[in-house]
Every structure is written in structure tokens, then in C-alpha cells.
């Protein structure tokens, strides 16, 4: 059974950086359709970025130029490098593919 496990969240000051990881385990897998979502308190879950196919990646307008998806194929791991973080980036970040969700990792941007 395929599982998604996120890590790397934490508390960071505005303008800082974090690198989230999503490790995929438990079965055959390809990165197409694997992405990051986030949910802030009191708000709906929203797309942050997703690997469409190959190197084609879609980013939410709110994170373009600040967040970058990368991956390590041999480690079955996707990363989300988040730079120039803002308080409005505070949320639980989830790894997703189709109906599969990770447990989430919390990112708090605050001084």
C-alpha cells in the first residue's frame, strides 16, 4: 500500500526558508500528479504546487517565484523548497496524489 509521509515543517521568521519532504513508500509509483496542498486555520485546502508530468510543474500564483518543487527519483522523495516565507504561508502542508494524502506537516511563519 502506497503511503506518503511529509516532514520538514516548523517555525520560521518572515523572509526565512524551509524545505519540506514527501517520501513515497509501499509500492509502484511515479511522480506525475504528485503535489503539495496546504490548509490554513479556518480556510479550505488549496493547491500549492503539483508535478503535472515530467518536469512540467504547476504553481499557485501566491507561491510562484518563491516555492520550488524538486525530486529525488531514487529516494522516491519530492521536496518543496520554500523561500521568502510570509505569515500568510502559515498552514498545514500535505503531500497528495489522487486519493492519497499524507498526514501533513505544520509550517508557521511568525516573528
Foldseek 3Di string as FASTA:
>chain_A
DKAWAKDWADEAAQQAKIKMKIFIDDDDDDQAQKAKWWDDPPGDIGGAKGRHDDNDMDGDPVQPPFWDWDADVVRNMIMIIGGRDDQVVFTWMWIDHDPHIYPTDTHGYHD
